[in-house]
């Protein structure tokens, strides 16, 4: 089992990226995880790169501000089931212009982190942190408090 985070847009050398790296490193103690950046603007190149990353045995979750929200515990239950049932779970965050329609059409589920509109860089951080939090819940680590 594996987690892949696909982030549209470029990797930024920012404080947010350092926090994302920190949580990814922590997450890798529980499950093999990686971040893939897709910075292409050309729709055909995006499709080609995306097709080489995604397999039929993957479960694809796209972030969408208009989708359904979940609290952390619901996200934990949801993600646990998907990780158990699929070879890989792919979590996709768009860039400032969102996720290409050709990618959204391949998605198994759309998730919203908030009813508010978040900048894509902050959405990346929140998604990776919440995913790390979920795995600490699975493993009875004291990171998450109720």
Protein backbone atom coordinates (compact mmCIF):
# COMPACT_ATOMS: atom_id res chain seq x y z
CA UNK A 1 0.00 0.00 0.00
CA UNK A 2 1.17 3.48 -0.85
CA UNK A 3 0.08 7.10 -0.77
CA UNK A 4 0.85 9.49 -3.58
CA UNK A 5 0.20 13.20 -3.37
CA UNK A 6 0.01 14.82 -6.79
CA UNK A 7 0.38 18.58 -6.68
CA UNK A 8 -0.28 20.62 -9.82
CA UNK A 9 2.03 23.58 -10.15
CA UNK A 10 5.63 24.09 -9.20
CA UNK A 11 7.36 23.18 -5.99
CA UNK A 12 7.91 26.36 -4.01
CA UNK A 13 10.91 26.99 -1.80
CA UNK A 14 8.80 28.30 1.02
CA UNK A 15 8.19 27.76 4.67
CA UNK A 16 5.03 25.84 3.73
CA UNK A 17 7.06 23.40 1.64
CA UNK A 18 9.39 22.75 4.58
CA UNK A 19 6.38 21.89 6.75
CA UNK A 20 4.99 19.64 4.02
CA UNK A 21 8.34 17.82 3.85
CA UNK A 22 8.36 17.44 7.63
CA UNK A 23 4.91 15.83 7.67
CA UNK A 24 5.72 13.62 4.68
CA UNK A 25 8.82 12.34 6.46
CA UNK A 26 6.73 11.56 9.54
CA UNK A 27 4.02 9.94 7.42
CA UNK A 28 6.59 7.64 5.80
CA UNK A 29 7.09 5.97 9.18
CA UNK A 30 3.59 4.55 8.77
CA UNK A 31 3.04 4.20 5.04
CA UNK A 32 5.20 4.64 1.95
CA UNK A 33 4.35 8.11 0.66
CA UNK A 34 5.58 10.45 -2.02
CA UNK A 35 4.82 13.80 -3.58
CA UNK A 36 4.75 14.24 -7.34
CA UNK A 37 4.68 17.73 -8.86
CA UNK A 38 3.04 18.20 -12.26
CA UNK A 39 3.90 21.65 -13.56
CA UNK A 40 2.92 21.22 -17.20
CA UNK A 41 0.30 23.58 -18.60
CA UNK A 42 -0.29 21.58 -21.78
CA UNK A 43 -3.35 19.33 -21.39
CA UNK A 44 -1.86 16.53 -23.52
CA UNK A 45 1.36 16.46 -21.48
CA UNK A 46 -0.66 16.43 -18.27
CA UNK A 47 -2.71 13.45 -19.50
CA UNK A 48 0.43 11.59 -20.58
CA UNK A 49 2.24 12.15 -17.26
CA UNK A 50 -0.88 11.40 -15.26
CA UNK A 51 -1.50 8.14 -17.14
CA UNK A 52 2.04 6.98 -16.40
CA UNK A 53 1.55 7.61 -12.65
CA UNK A 54 -1.96 6.20 -12.17
CA UNK A 55 -2.86 2.51 -12.33
CA UNK A 56 -6.34 0.92 -12.46
CA UNK A 57 -5.80 -0.47 -8.94
CA UNK A 58 -5.43 3.06 -7.51
CA UNK A 59 -8.09 5.06 -5.68
CA UNK A 60 -8.07 8.70 -6.77
CA UNK A 61 -9.20 11.53 -4.50
CA UNK A 62 -9.30 15.06 -5.90
CA UNK A 63 -9.61 18.18 -3.79
CA UNK A 64 -12.48 20.45 -4.71
CA UNK A 65 -13.82 23.33 -2.63
CA UNK A 66 -17.38 22.47 -3.68
CA UNK A 67 -17.14 18.82 -2.59
CA UNK A 68 -18.14 17.25 0.70
CA UNK A 69 -16.13 18.04 3.83
CA UNK A 70 -15.18 15.54 6.54
CA UNK A 71 -13.94 15.94 10.07
CA UNK A 72 -10.67 14.24 10.97
CA UNK A 73 -12.25 11.09 12.40
CA UNK A 74 -14.47 10.59 9.33
CA UNK A 75 -11.45 11.17 7.10
CA UNK A 76 -9.53 8.58 9.14
CA UNK A 77 -12.25 5.94 8.71
CA UNK A 78 -12.63 6.77 5.01
CA UNK A 79 -8.89 6.69 4.29
CA UNK A 80 -8.28 3.51 6.29
CA UNK A 81 -10.84 1.65 4.14
CA UNK A 82 -9.33 2.95 0.90
CA UNK A 83 -5.76 2.10 1.96
CA UNK A 84 -6.88 -1.44 2.83
CA UNK A 85 -8.84 -1.93 -0.41
CA UNK A 86 -6.49 -0.41 -3.02
CA UNK A 87 -2.82 -0.73 -3.97
CA UNK A 88 -2.34 3.04 -3.80
CA UNK A 89 -4.39 6.03 -2.79
CA UNK A 90 -3.73 9.13 -4.88
CA UNK A 91 -4.56 12.54 -3.38
CA UNK A 92 -4.59 15.40 -5.89
CA UNK A 93 -4.38 19.14 -5.24
CA UNK A 94 -4.75 21.55 -8.15
CA UNK A 95 -2.79 24.72 -8.75
CA UNK A 96 -4.27 28.23 -8.59
CA UNK A 97 -6.55 27.29 -11.51
CA UNK A 98 -7.71 23.97 -10.08
CA UNK A 99 -7.42 20.45 -11.43
CA UNK A 100 -7.83 19.78 -15.18
CA UNK A 101 -11.24 18.35 -16.10
CA UNK A 102 -9.57 15.34 -17.72
CA UNK A 103 -8.13 14.43 -14.30
CA UNK A 104 -11.32 15.16 -12.35
CA UNK A 105 -13.20 12.76 -14.64
CA UNK A 106 -10.89 9.92 -13.50
CA UNK A 107 -11.43 10.69 -9.81
CA UNK A 108 -13.18 8.20 -7.54
CA UNK A 109 -13.99 10.80 -4.90
CA UNK A 110 -13.87 14.57 -4.43
CA UNK A 111 -13.03 15.99 -1.03
CA UNK A 112 -13.16 19.51 0.33
CA UNK A 113 -10.83 20.56 3.13
CA UNK A 114 -13.03 23.54 3.99
CA UNK A 115 -16.06 25.44 2.79
CA UNK A 116 -13.69 28.38 2.47
CA UNK A 117 -11.46 28.82 -0.55
CA UNK A 118 -7.88 27.97 0.38
CA UNK A 119 -4.76 28.91 -1.57
CA UNK A 120 -3.41 25.75 -3.21
CA UNK A 121 -0.15 25.93 -1.25
CA UNK A 122 -2.04 25.94 2.05
CA UNK A 123 -4.33 23.15 0.81
CA UNK A 124 -1.22 21.04 0.15
CA UNK A 125 -0.02 21.54 3.72
CA UNK A 126 -3.42 20.89 5.30
CA UNK A 127 -3.92 17.70 3.27
CA UNK A 128 -0.51 16.23 4.13
CA UNK A 129 -0.83 17.19 7.81
CA UNK A 130 -4.34 15.73 8.12
CA UNK A 131 -3.21 12.55 6.37
CA UNK A 132 -0.31 12.25 8.81
CA UNK A 133 -2.76 12.87 11.68
CA UNK A 134 -4.97 10.04 10.39
CA UNK A 135 -2.08 7.59 10.50
CA UNK A 136 -1.20 8.65 14.04
CA UNK A 137 -4.81 7.88 14.98
CA UNK A 138 -4.51 4.42 13.37
CA UNK A 139 -1.34 3.77 15.36
CA UNK A 140 -2.49 5.21 18.70
CA UNK A 141 0.16 7.90 18.61
CA UNK A 142 -0.63 10.85 20.93
CA UNK A 143 -0.33 13.49 18.16
CA UNK A 144 -4.13 13.72 17.79
CA UNK A 145 -6.17 14.89 20.78
CA UNK A 146 -9.94 14.66 21.15
